[in-house]
PDB file of all heavy atoms in Angstrom:
ATOM      1  N   SER A   1     -54.223  73.243 -18.707  1.00  0.00           N
ATOM      2  CA  SER A   1     -54.946  71.990 -18.447  1.00  0.00           C
ATOM      3  C   SER A   1     -55.776  71.516 -19.638  1.00  0.00           C
ATOM      4  O   SER A   1     -56.977  71.263 -19.512  1.00  0.00           O
ATOM      5  CB  SER A   1     -55.848  72.124 -17.202  1.00  0.00           C
ATOM      6  OG  SER A   1     -55.085  72.370 -16.056  1.00  0.00           O
ATOM      7  N   TRP A   2     -55.127  71.369 -20.786  1.00  0.00           N
ATOM      8  CA  TRP A   2     -55.835  70.807 -21.926  1.00  0.00           C
ATOM      9  C   TRP A   2     -54.891  69.986 -22.792  1.00  0.00           C
ATOM     10  O   TRP A   2     -53.681  70.113 -22.697  1.00  0.00           O
ATOM     11  CB  TRP A   2     -56.530  71.877 -22.770  1.00  0.00           C
ATOM     12  CG  TRP A   2     -55.688  73.009 -23.311  1.00  0.00           C
ATOM     13  CD1 TRP A   2     -55.642  74.289 -22.851  1.00  0.00           C
ATOM     14  CD2 TRP A   2     -54.794  72.969 -24.451  1.00  0.00           C
ATOM     15  NE1 TRP A   2     -54.781  75.044 -23.602  1.00  0.00           N
ATOM     16  CE2 TRP A   2     -54.255  74.263 -24.594  1.00  0.00           C
ATOM     17  CE3 TRP A   2     -54.395  71.981 -25.338  1.00  0.00           C
ATOM     18  CZ2 TRP A   2     -53.334  74.594 -25.600  1.00  0.00           C
ATOM     19  CZ3 TRP A   2     -53.482  72.288 -26.344  1.00  0.00           C
ATOM     20  CH2 TRP A   2     -52.963  73.582 -26.461  1.00  0.00           C
ATOM     21  N   PHE A   3     -55.486  69.124 -23.608  1.00  0.00           N
ATOM     22  CA  PHE A   3     -54.725  68.438 -24.644  1.00  0.00           C
ATOM     23  C   PHE A   3     -55.539  68.439 -25.925  1.00  0.00           C
ATOM     24  O   PHE A   3     -56.752  68.679 -25.909  1.00  0.00           O
ATOM     25  CB  PHE A   3     -54.344  67.012 -24.220  1.00  0.00           C
ATOM     26  CG  PHE A   3     -55.487  66.033 -24.188  1.00  0.00           C
ATOM     27  CD1 PHE A   3     -55.804  65.250 -25.288  1.00  0.00           C
ATOM     28  CD2 PHE A   3     -56.249  65.869 -23.038  1.00  0.00           C
ATOM     29  CE1 PHE A   3     -56.854  64.348 -25.259  1.00  0.00           C
ATOM     30  CE2 PHE A   3     -57.301  64.963 -22.995  1.00  0.00           C
ATOM     31  CZ  PHE A   3     -57.604  64.204 -24.108  1.00  0.00           C
ATOM     32  N   GLU A   4     -54.872  68.182 -27.048  1.00  0.00           N
ATOM     33  CA  GLU A   4     -55.540  68.187 -28.335  1.00  0.00           C
ATOM     34  C   GLU A   4     -55.345  66.874 -29.079  1.00  0.00           C
ATOM     35  O   GLU A   4     -54.300  66.232 -28.963  1.00  0.00           O
ATOM     36  CB  GLU A   4     -55.023  69.329 -29.220  1.00  0.00           C
ATOM     37  CG  GLU A   4     -55.505  70.698 -28.803  1.00  0.00           C
ATOM     38  CD  GLU A   4     -55.106  71.789 -29.780  1.00  0.00           C
ATOM     39  OE1 GLU A   4     -54.177  71.565 -30.595  1.00  0.00           O
ATOM     40  OE2 GLU A   4     -55.732  72.874 -29.729  1.00  0.00           O
ATOM     41  N   VAL A   5     -56.371  66.499 -29.833  1.00  0.00           N
ATOM     42  CA  VAL A   5     -56.279  65.377 -30.762  1.00  0.00           C
ATOM     43  C   VAL A   5     -56.749  65.866 -32.127  1.00  0.00           C
ATOM     44  O   VAL A   5     -57.644  66.703 -32.226  1.00  0.00           O
ATOM     45  CB  VAL A   5     -57.120  64.168 -30.312  1.00  0.00           C
ATOM     46  CG1 VAL A   5     -56.519  63.547 -29.050  1.00  0.00           C
ATOM     47  CG2 VAL A   5     -58.572  64.549 -30.075  1.00  0.00           C
ATOM     48  N   TRP A   6     -56.123  65.314 -33.182  1.00  0.00           N
ATOM     49  CA  TRP A   6     -56.488  65.643 -34.557  1.00  0.00           C
ATOM     50  C   TRP A   6     -57.169  64.429 -35.163  1.00  0.00           C
ATOM     51  O   TRP A   6     -56.653  63.314 -35.097  1.00  0.00           O
ATOM     52  CB  TRP A   6     -55.244  66.015 -35.361  1.00  0.00           C
ATOM     53  CG  TRP A   6     -54.637  67.328 -34.980  1.00  0.00           C
ATOM     54  CD1 TRP A   6     -54.276  67.747 -33.736  1.00  0.00           C
ATOM     55  CD2 TRP A   6     -54.310  68.405 -35.866  1.00  0.00           C
ATOM     56  NE1 TRP A   6     -53.743  69.005 -33.767  1.00  0.00           N
ATOM     57  CE2 TRP A   6     -53.747  69.436 -35.072  1.00  0.00           C
ATOM     58  CE3 TRP A   6     -54.426  68.585 -37.237  1.00  0.00           C
ATOM     59  CZ2 TRP A   6     -53.311  70.632 -35.622  1.00  0.00           C
ATOM     60  CZ3 TRP A   6     -53.981  69.780 -37.785  1.00  0.00           C
ATOM     61  CH2 TRP A   6     -53.442  70.800 -36.985  1.00  0.00           C
ATOM     62  N   LEU A   7     -58.326  64.653 -35.776  1.00  0.00           N
ATOM     63  CA  LEU A   7     -59.123  63.561 -36.314  1.00  0.00           C
ATOM     64  C   LEU A   7     -59.162  63.629 -37.840  1.00  0.00           C
ATOM     65  O   LEU A   7     -59.444  64.686 -38.414  1.00  0.00           O
ATOM     66  CB  LEU A   7     -60.547  63.629 -35.763  1.00  0.00           C
ATOM     67  CG  LEU A   7     -60.680  63.746 -34.240  1.00  0.00           C
ATOM     68  CD1 LEU A   7     -62.145  63.839 -33.853  1.00  0.00           C
ATOM     69  CD2 LEU A   7     -60.010  62.574 -33.550  1.00  0.00           C
ATOM     70  N   ILE A   8     -58.914  62.495 -38.480  1.00  0.00           N
ATOM     71  CA  ILE A   8     -58.973  62.412 -39.932  1.00  0.00           C
ATOM     72  C   ILE A   8     -60.418  62.165 -40.370  1.00  0.00           C
ATOM     73  O   ILE A   8     -61.272  61.793 -39.549  1.00  0.00           O
ATOM     74  CB  ILE A   8     -58.050  61.302 -40.463  1.00  0.00           C
ATOM     75  CG1 ILE A   8     -58.492  59.931 -39.924  1.00  0.00           C
ATOM     76  CG2 ILE A   8     -56.600  61.599 -40.117  1.00  0.00           C
ATOM     77  CD1 ILE A   8     -57.726  58.770 -40.530  1.00  0.00           C
ATOM     78  N   PRO A   9     -60.745  62.359 -41.635  1.00  0.00           N
ATOM     79  CA  PRO A   9     -62.129  62.162 -42.097  1.00  0.00           C
ATOM     80  C   PRO A   9     -62.697  60.783 -41.785  1.00  0.00           C
ATOM     81  O   PRO A   9     -63.879  60.658 -41.458  1.00  0.00           O
ATOM     82  CB  PRO A   9     -62.018  62.400 -43.609  1.00  0.00           C
ATOM     83  CG  PRO A   9     -60.889  63.376 -43.748  1.00  0.00           C
ATOM     84  CD  PRO A   9     -59.902  62.964 -42.687  1.00  0.00           C
ATOM     85  N   GLU A  10     -61.887  59.718 -41.870  1.00  0.00           N
ATOM     86  CA  GLU A  10     -62.392  58.373 -41.600  1.00  0.00           C
ATOM     87  C   GLU A  10     -62.834  58.236 -40.145  1.00  0.00           C
ATOM     88  O   GLU A  10     -63.859  57.606 -39.851  1.00  0.00           O
ATOM     89  CB  GLU A  10     -61.331  57.327 -41.923  1.00  0.00           C
ATOM     90  CG  GLU A  10     -61.705  55.892 -41.585  1.00  0.00           C
ATOM     91  CD  GLU A  10     -62.896  55.368 -42.375  1.00  0.00           C
ATOM     92  OE1 GLU A  10     -63.315  56.030 -43.355  1.00  0.00           O
ATOM     93  OE2 GLU A  10     -63.413  54.296 -42.019  1.00  0.00           O
ATOM     94  N   THR A  11     -62.086  58.829 -39.227  1.00  0.00           N
ATOM     95  CA  THR A  11     -62.473  58.800 -37.814  1.00  0.00           C
ATOM     96  C   THR A  11     -63.800  59.526 -37.608  1.00  0.00           C
ATOM     97  O   THR A  11     -64.678  59.057 -36.879  1.00  0.00           O
ATOM     98  CB  THR A  11     -61.382  59.429 -36.940  1.00  0.00           C
ATOM     99  OG1 THR A  11     -60.152  58.713 -37.120  1.00  0.00           O
ATOM    100  CG2 THR A  11     -61.768  59.383 -35.463  1.00  0.00           C
ATOM    101  N   LEU A  12     -63.963  60.660 -38.255  1.00  0.00           N
ATOM    102  CA  LEU A  12     -65.216  61.400 -38.138  1.00  0.00           C
ATOM    103  C   LEU A  12     -66.379  60.606 -38.725  1.00  0.00           C
ATOM    104  O   LEU A  12     -67.496  60.631 -38.197  1.00  0.00           O
ATOM    105  CB  LEU A  12     -65.097  62.743 -38.855  1.00  0.00           C
ATOM    106  CG  LEU A  12     -64.126  63.757 -38.238  1.00  0.00           C
ATOM    107  CD1 LEU A  12     -64.033  64.990 -39.115  1.00  0.00           C
ATOM    108  CD2 LEU A  12     -64.546  64.143 -36.828  1.00  0.00           C
ATOM    109  N   ARG A  13     -66.133  59.880 -39.797  1.00  0.00           N
ATOM    110  CA  ARG A  13     -67.195  59.100 -40.442  1.00  0.00           C
ATOM    111  C   ARG A  13     -67.678  57.972 -39.553  1.00  0.00           C
ATOM    112  O   ARG A  13     -68.872  57.651 -39.527  1.00  0.00           O
ATOM    113  CB  ARG A  13     -66.682  58.533 -41.770  1.00  0.00           C
ATOM    114  CG  ARG A  13     -67.739  57.784 -42.581  1.00  0.00           C
ATOM    115  CD  ARG A  13     -67.143  57.198 -43.850  1.00  0.00           C
ATOM    116  NE  ARG A  13     -66.286  56.064 -43.553  1.00  0.00           N
ATOM    117  CZ  ARG A  13     -66.724  54.805 -43.396  1.00  0.00           C
ATOM    118  NH1 ARG A  13     -68.017  54.534 -43.482  1.00  0.00           N
ATOM    119  NH2 ARG A  13     -65.876  53.838 -43.145  1.00  0.00           N
ATOM    120  N   MET A  14     -66.770  57.346 -38.808  1.00  0.00           N
ATOM    121  CA  MET A  14     -67.094  56.151 -38.033  1.00  0.00           C
ATOM    122  C   MET A  14     -67.463  56.430 -36.582  1.00  0.00           C
ATOM    123  O   MET A  14     -67.761  55.498 -35.834  1.00  0.00           O
ATOM    124  CB  MET A  14     -65.911  55.179 -38.067  1.00  0.00           C
ATOM    125  CG  MET A  14     -65.697  54.493 -39.399  1.00  0.00           C
ATOM    126  SD  MET A  14     -67.088  53.419 -39.843  1.00  0.00           S
ATOM    127  CE  MET A  14     -66.977  52.158 -38.552  1.00  0.00           C
ATOM    128  N   THR A  15     -67.463  57.686 -36.165  1.00  0.00           N
ATOM    129  CA  THR A  15     -67.683  58.012 -34.762  1.00  0.00           C
ATOM    130  C   THR A  15     -68.675  59.160 -34.619  1.00  0.00           C
ATOM    131  O   THR A  15     -69.180  59.697 -35.614  1.00  0.00           O
ATOM    132  CB  THR A  15     -66.359  58.423 -34.083  1.00  0.00           C
ATOM    133  OG1 THR A  15     -65.912  59.676 -34.659  1.00  0.00           O
ATOM    134  CG2 THR A  15     -65.272  57.382 -34.284  1.00  0.00           C
ATOM    135  N   VAL A  16     -68.907  59.541 -33.367  1.00  0.00           N
ATOM    136  CA  VAL A  16     -69.831  60.648 -33.072  1.00  0.00           C
ATOM    137  C   VAL A  16     -69.110  61.985 -32.896  1.00  0.00           C
ATOM    138  O   VAL A  16     -69.746  62.980 -32.553  1.00  0.00           O
ATOM    139  CB  VAL A  16     -70.632  60.348 -31.782  1.00  0.00           C
ATOM    140  CG1 VAL A  16     -71.476  59.093 -31.941  1.00  0.00           C
ATOM    141  CG2 VAL A  16     -69.697  60.218 -30.575  1.00  0.00           C
ATOM    142  N   PHE A  17     -67.805  62.034 -33.160  1.00  0.00           N
ATOM    143  CA  PHE A  17     -67.049  63.233 -32.805  1.00  0.00           C
ATOM    144  C   PHE A  17     -67.470  64.479 -33.590  1.00  0.00           C
ATOM    145  O   PHE A  17     -67.315  65.597 -33.108  1.00  0.00           O
ATOM    146  CB  PHE A  17     -65.553  62.992 -32.961  1.00  0.00           C
ATOM    147  CG  PHE A  17     -64.999  62.011 -31.955  1.00  0.00           C
ATOM    148  CD1 PHE A  17     -64.249  60.924 -32.357  1.00  0.00           C
ATOM    149  CD2 PHE A  17     -65.252  62.175 -30.605  1.00  0.00           C
ATOM    150  CE1 PHE A  17     -63.756  60.008 -31.432  1.00  0.00           C
ATOM    151  CE2 PHE A  17     -64.766  61.273 -29.673  1.00  0.00           C
ATOM    152  CZ  PHE A  17     -64.019  60.188 -30.083  1.00  0.00           C
ATOM    153  N   ARG A  18     -67.987  64.309 -34.780  1.00  0.00           N
ATOM    154  CA  ARG A  18     -68.425  65.467 -35.554  1.00  0.00           C
ATOM    155  C   ARG A  18     -69.536  66.218 -34.817  1.00  0.00           C
ATOM    156  O   ARG A  18     -69.706  67.441 -34.989  1.00  0.00           O
ATOM    157  CB  ARG A  18     -68.916  65.010 -36.930  1.00  0.00           C
ATOM    158  CG  ARG A  18     -69.502  66.092 -37.787  1.00  0.00           C
ATOM    159  CD  ARG A  18     -68.481  67.070 -38.322  1.00  0.00           C
ATOM    160  NE  ARG A  18     -67.657  66.495 -39.371  1.00  0.00           N
ATOM    161  CZ  ARG A  18     -66.722  67.152 -40.042  1.00  0.00           C
ATOM    162  NH1 ARG A  18     -66.463  68.415 -39.725  1.00  0.00           N
ATOM    163  NH2 ARG A  18     -66.013  66.568 -40.984  1.00  0.00           N
ATOM    164  N   GLN A  19     -70.269  65.520 -33.957  1.00  0.00           N
ATOM    165  CA  GLN A  19     -71.378  66.139 -33.232  1.00  0.00           C
ATOM    166  C   GLN A  19     -70.923  66.918 -32.001  1.00  0.00           C
ATOM    167  O   GLN A  19     -71.717  67.652 -31.400  1.00  0.00           O
ATOM    168  CB  GLN A  19     -72.363  65.058 -32.781  1.00  0.00           C
ATOM    169  CG  GLN A  19     -72.882  64.168 -33.894  1.00  0.00           C
ATOM    170  CD  GLN A  19     -73.637  62.977 -33.346  1.00  0.00           C
ATOM    171  OE1 GLN A  19     -74.033  62.948 -32.183  1.00  0.00           O
ATOM    172  NE2 GLN A  19     -73.858  61.967 -34.182  1.00  0.00           N
ATOM    173  N   LYS A  20     -69.676  66.742 -31.600  1.00  0.00           N
ATOM    174  CA  LYS A  20     -69.209  67.332 -30.346  1.00  0.00           C
ATOM    175  C   LYS A  20     -68.717  68.758 -30.547  1.00  0.00           C
ATOM    176  O   LYS A  20     -67.779  69.003 -31.304  1.00  0.00           O
ATOM    177  CB  LYS A  20     -68.094  66.477 -29.743  1.00  0.00           C
ATOM    178  CG  LYS A  20     -68.463  65.012 -29.546  1.00  0.00           C
ATOM    179  CD  LYS A  20     -69.675  64.829 -28.641  1.00  0.00           C
ATOM    180  CE  LYS A  20     -70.002  63.361 -28.430  1.00  0.00           C
ATOM    181  NZ  LYS A  20     -71.209  63.153 -27.617  1.00  0.00           N
ATOM    182  N   GLN A  21     -69.359  69.677 -29.852  1.00  0.00           N
ATOM    183  CA  GLN A  21     -68.959  71.080 -29.890  1.00  0.00           C
ATOM    184  C   GLN A  21     -68.463  71.511 -28.510  1.00  0.00           C
ATOM    185  O   GLN A  21     -68.480  70.723 -27.559  1.00  0.00           O
ATOM    186  CB  GLN A  21     -70.139  71.943 -30.337  1.00  0.00           C
ATOM    187  CG  GLN A  21     -70.656  71.601 -31.729  1.00  0.00           C
ATOM    188  CD  GLN A  21     -69.616  71.774 -32.811  1.00  0.00           C
ATOM    189  OE1 GLN A  21     -68.898  72.782 -32.816  1.00  0.00           O
ATOM    190  NE2 GLN A  21     -69.528  70.823 -33.739  1.00  0.00           N
ATOM    191  N   ALA A  22     -68.014  72.748 -28.398  1.00  0.00           N
ATOM    192  CA  ALA A  22     -67.481  73.248 -27.129  1.00  0.00           C
ATOM    193  C   ALA A  22     -68.500  73.037 -26.014  1.00  0.00           C
ATOM    194  O   ALA A  22     -69.684  73.339 -26.176  1.00  0.00           O
ATOM    195  CB  ALA A  22     -67.127  74.722 -27.258  1.00  0.00           C
ATOM    196  N   GLY A  23     -68.034  72.495 -24.908  1.00  0.00           N
ATOM    197  CA  GLY A  23     -68.884  72.223 -23.758  1.00  0.00           C
ATOM    198  C   GLY A  23     -69.370  70.792 -23.682  1.00  0.00           C
ATOM    199  O   GLY A  23     -69.856  70.364 -22.628  1.00  0.00           O
ATOM    200  N   ALA A  24     -69.262  70.034 -24.776  1.00  0.00           N
ATOM    201  CA  ALA A  24     -69.719  68.647 -24.772  1.00  0.00           C
ATOM    202  C   ALA A  24     -68.849  67.797 -23.843  1.00  0.00           C
ATOM    203  O   ALA A  24     -67.642  67.988 -23.754  1.00  0.00           O
ATOM    204  CB  ALA A  24     -69.680  68.074 -26.189  1.00  0.00           C
ATOM    205  N   ALA A  25     -69.483  66.853 -23.164  1.00  0.00           N
ATOM    206  CA  ALA A  25     -68.768  65.968 -22.239  1.00  0.00           C
ATOM    207  C   ALA A  25     -68.263  64.734 -22.974  1.00  0.00           C
ATOM    208  O   ALA A  25     -68.928  64.211 -23.883  1.00  0.00           O
ATOM    209  CB  ALA A  25     -69.683  65.555 -21.092  1.00  0.00           C
ATOM    210  N   LEU A  26     -67.086  64.255 -22.565  1.00  0.00           N
ATOM    211  CA  LEU A  26     -66.447  63.099 -23.189  1.00  0.00           C
ATOM    212  C   LEU A  26     -65.931  62.150 -22.119  1.00  0.00           C
ATOM    213  O   LEU A  26     -65.490  62.592 -21.052  1.00  0.00           O
ATOM    214  CB  LEU A  26     -65.266  63.539 -24.063  1.00  0.00           C
ATOM    215  CG  LEU A  26     -65.570  64.493 -25.219  1.00  0.00           C
ATOM    216  CD1 LEU A  26     -64.272  65.016 -25.810  1.00  0.00           C
ATOM    217  CD2 LEU A  26     -66.411  63.808 -26.282  1.00  0.00           C
ATOM    218  N   ASN A  27     -65.973  60.850 -22.413  1.00  0.00           N
ATOM    219  CA  ASN A  27     -65.392  59.850 -21.516  1.00  0.00           C
ATOM    220  C   ASN A  27     -63.921  59.650 -21.847  1.00  0.00           C
ATOM    221  O   ASN A  27     -63.566  59.444 -23.019  1.00  0.00           O
ATOM    222  CB  ASN A  27     -66.127  58.512 -21.667  1.00  0.00           C
ATOM    223  CG  ASN A  27     -67.552  58.582 -21.164  1.00  0.00           C
ATOM    224  OD1 ASN A  27     -67.833  59.210 -20.148  1.00  0.00           O
ATOM    225  ND2 ASN A  27     -68.459  57.931 -21.871  1.00  0.00           N
ATOM    226  N   ILE A  28     -63.082  59.668 -20.829  1.00  0.00           N
ATOM    227  CA  ILE A  28     -61.643  59.517 -21.023  1.00  0.00           C
ATOM    228  C   ILE A  28     -61.143  58.296 -20.257  1.00  0.00           C
ATOM    229  O   ILE A  28     -61.394  58.153 -19.054  1.00  0.00           O
ATOM    230  CB  ILE A  28     -60.867  60.754 -20.515  1.00  0.00           C
ATOM    231  CG1 ILE A  28     -61.426  62.041 -21.129  1.00  0.00           C
ATOM    232  CG2 ILE A  28     -59.375  60.596 -20.805  1.00  0.00           C
ATOM    233  CD1 ILE A  28     -61.249  62.184 -22.606  1.00  0.00           C
ATOM    234  N   GLU A  29     -60.440  57.416 -20.969  1.00  0.00           N
ATOM    235  CA  GLU A  29     -59.708  56.322 -20.330  1.00  0.00           C
ATOM    236  C   GLU A  29     -58.229  56.501 -20.659  1.00  0.00           C
ATOM    237  O   GLU A  29     -57.842  56.488 -21.827  1.00  0.00           O
ATOM    238  CB  GLU A  29     -60.177  54.953 -20.830  1.00  0.00           C
ATOM    239  CG  GLU A  29     -59.408  53.796 -20.169  1.00  0.00           C
ATOM    240  CD  GLU A  29     -59.819  52.427 -20.685  1.00  0.00           C
ATOM    241  OE1 GLU A  29     -60.964  52.278 -21.161  1.00  0.00           O
ATOM    242  OE2 GLU A  29     -58.984  51.492 -20.610  1.00  0.00           O
ATOM    243  N   ILE A  30     -57.416  56.705 -19.640  1.00  0.00           N
ATOM    244  CA  ILE A  30     -55.989  56.885 -19.885  1.00  0.00           C
ATOM    245  C   ILE A  30     -55.343  55.543 -20.211  1.00  0.00           C
ATOM    246  O   ILE A  30     -55.885  54.484 -19.883  1.00  0.00           O
ATOM    247  CB  ILE A  30     -55.294  57.542 -18.671  1.00  0.00           C
ATOM    248  CG1 ILE A  30     -55.462  56.696 -17.417  1.00  0.00           C
ATOM    249  CG2 ILE A  30     -55.809  58.952 -18.439  1.00  0.00           C
ATOM    250  CD1 ILE A  30     -54.701  57.212 -16.230  1.00  0.00           C
ATOM    251  N   GLU A  31     -54.205  55.601 -20.871  1.00  0.00           N
ATOM    252  CA  GLU A  31     -53.500  54.381 -21.259  1.00  0.00           C
ATOM    253  C   GLU A  31     -52.906  53.748 -20.012  1.00  0.00           C
ATOM    254  O   GLU A  31     -52.161  54.379 -19.273  1.00  0.00           O
ATOM    255  CB  GLU A  31     -52.410  54.728 -22.277  1.00  0.00           C
ATOM    256  CG  GLU A  31     -51.994  53.593 -23.156  1.00  0.00           C
ATOM    257  CD  GLU A  31     -50.938  52.737 -22.495  1.00  0.00           C
ATOM    258  OE1 GLU A  31     -50.013  53.302 -21.907  1.00  0.00           O
ATOM    259  OE2 GLU A  31     -51.050  51.499 -22.560  1.00  0.00           O
ATOM    260  N   ARG A  32     -53.275  52.504 -19.743  1.00  0.00           N
ATOM    261  CA  ARG A  32     -53.017  51.912 -18.436  1.00  0.00           C
ATOM    262  C   ARG A  32     -51.538  51.710 -18.127  1.00  0.00           C
ATOM    263  O   ARG A  32     -51.086  51.916 -16.997  1.00  0.00           O
ATOM    264  CB  ARG A  32     -53.777  50.585 -18.305  1.00  0.00           C
ATOM    265  CG  ARG A  32     -54.099  50.225 -16.862  1.00  0.00           C
ATOM    266  CD  ARG A  32     -54.913  51.311 -16.173  1.00  0.00           C
ATOM    267  NE  ARG A  32     -56.238  51.518 -16.731  1.00  0.00           N
ATOM    268  CZ  ARG A  32     -56.958  52.621 -16.576  1.00  0.00           C
ATOM    269  NH1 ARG A  32     -56.490  53.637 -15.882  1.00  0.00           N
ATOM    270  NH2 ARG A  32     -58.169  52.717 -17.108  1.00  0.00           N
ATOM    271  N   SER A  33     -50.748  51.310 -19.122  1.00  0.00           N
ATOM    272  CA  SER A  33     -49.322  51.106 -18.835  1.00  0.00           C
ATOM    273  C   SER A  33     -48.641  52.431 -18.514  1.00  0.00           C
ATOM    274  O   SER A  33     -47.722  52.488 -17.683  1.00  0.00           O
ATOM    275  CB  SER A  33     -48.625  50.417 -20.012  1.00  0.00           C
ATOM    276  OG  SER A  33     -48.664  51.215 -21.177  1.00  0.00           O
ATOM    277  N   THR A  34     -49.103  53.523 -19.135  1.00  0.00           N
ATOM    278  CA  THR A  34     -48.572  54.848 -18.807  1.00  0.00           C
ATOM    279  C   THR A  34     -48.872  55.189 -17.359  1.00  0.00           C
ATOM    280  O   THR A  34     -48.006  55.689 -16.626  1.00  0.00           O
ATOM    281  CB  THR A  34     -49.187  55.909 -19.728  1.00  0.00           C
ATOM    282  OG1 THR A  34     -48.838  55.636 -21.080  1.00  0.00           O
ATOM    283  CG2 THR A  34     -48.696  57.308 -19.357  1.00  0.00           C
ATOM    284  N   GLN A  35     -50.094  54.898 -16.918  1.00  0.00           N
ATOM    285  CA  GLN A  35     -50.454  55.184 -15.531  1.00  0.00           C
ATOM    286  C   GLN A  35     -49.579  54.401 -14.564  1.00  0.00           C
ATOM    287  O   GLN A  35     -49.113  54.949 -13.558  1.00  0.00           O
ATOM    288  CB  GLN A  35     -51.925  54.853 -15.287  1.00  0.00           C
ATOM    289  CG  GLN A  35     -52.379  55.175 -13.869  1.00  0.00           C
ATOM    290  CD  GLN A  35     -53.800  54.729 -13.609  1.00  0.00           C
ATOM    291  OE1 GLN A  35     -54.286  53.788 -14.225  1.00  0.00           O
ATOM    292  NE2 GLN A  35     -54.477  55.399 -12.690  1.00  0.00           N
ATOM    293  N   VAL A  36     -49.352  53.131 -14.868  1.00  0.00           N
ATOM    294  CA  VAL A  36     -48.537  52.298 -13.981  1.00  0.00           C
ATOM    295  C   VAL A  36     -47.112  52.852 -13.878  1.00  0.00           C
ATOM    296  O   VAL A  36     -46.550  52.959 -12.778  1.00  0.00           O
ATOM    297  CB  VAL A  36     -48.513  50.841 -14.494  1.00  0.00           C
ATOM    298  CG1 VAL A  36     -47.476  50.027 -13.721  1.00  0.00           C
ATOM    299  CG2 VAL A  36     -49.891  50.207 -14.355  1.00  0.00           C
ATOM    300  N   ILE A  37     -46.536  53.230 -15.011  1.00  0.00           N
ATOM    301  CA  ILE A  37     -45.162  53.745 -15.005  1.00  0.00           C
ATOM    302  C   ILE A  37     -45.085  55.050 -14.235  1.00  0.00           C
ATOM    303  O   ILE A  37     -44.210  55.238 -13.378  1.00  0.00           O
ATOM    304  CB  ILE A  37     -44.656  53.933 -16.445  1.00  0.00           C
ATOM    305  CG1 ILE A  37     -44.494  52.571 -17.126  1.00  0.00           C
ATOM    306  CG2 ILE A  37     -43.330  54.691 -16.460  1.00  0.00           C
ATOM    307  CD1 ILE A  37     -44.218  52.652 -18.607  1.00  0.00           C
ATOM    308  N   VAL A  38     -46.016  55.975 -14.537  1.00  0.00           N
ATOM    309  CA  VAL A  38     -45.983  57.279 -13.871  1.00  0.00           C
ATOM    310  C   VAL A  38     -46.182  57.131 -12.365  1.00  0.00           C
ATOM    311  O   VAL A  38     -45.449  57.727 -11.563  1.00  0.00           O
ATOM    312  CB  VAL A  38     -47.056  58.207 -14.468  1.00  0.00           C
ATOM    313  CG1 VAL A  38     -47.210  59.475 -13.619  1.00  0.00           C
ATOM    314  CG2 VAL A  38     -46.706  58.572 -15.896  1.00  0.00           C
ATOM    315  N   ASP A  39     -47.156  56.312 -11.944  1.00  0.00           N
ATOM    316  CA  ASP A  39     -47.413  56.143 -10.519  1.00  0.00           C
ATOM    317  C   ASP A  39     -46.240  55.463  -9.807  1.00  0.00           C
ATOM    318  O   ASP A  39     -45.906  55.813  -8.673  1.00  0.00           O
ATOM    319  CB  ASP A  39     -48.686  55.320 -10.304  1.00  0.00           C
ATOM    320  CG  ASP A  39     -49.947  56.116 -10.615  1.00  0.00           C
ATOM    321  OD1 ASP A  39     -49.837  57.346 -10.775  1.00  0.00           O
ATOM    322  OD2 ASP A  39     -51.029  55.512 -10.696  1.00  0.00           O
TER     323      ASP A  39
END
C-alpha cells in the first residue's frame, strides 16, 4: 500500500517537500479522469 515519486532539485526549490520526513501528512488529489475510467 504505497507509491513513490521522484523529485528533481527544481521541484524541491519551489515547494515544501524538502521539509517532509517520515510520518509527515500530505494532501492527495487523484487524477480525476483516471477515477472516472476506473469507476
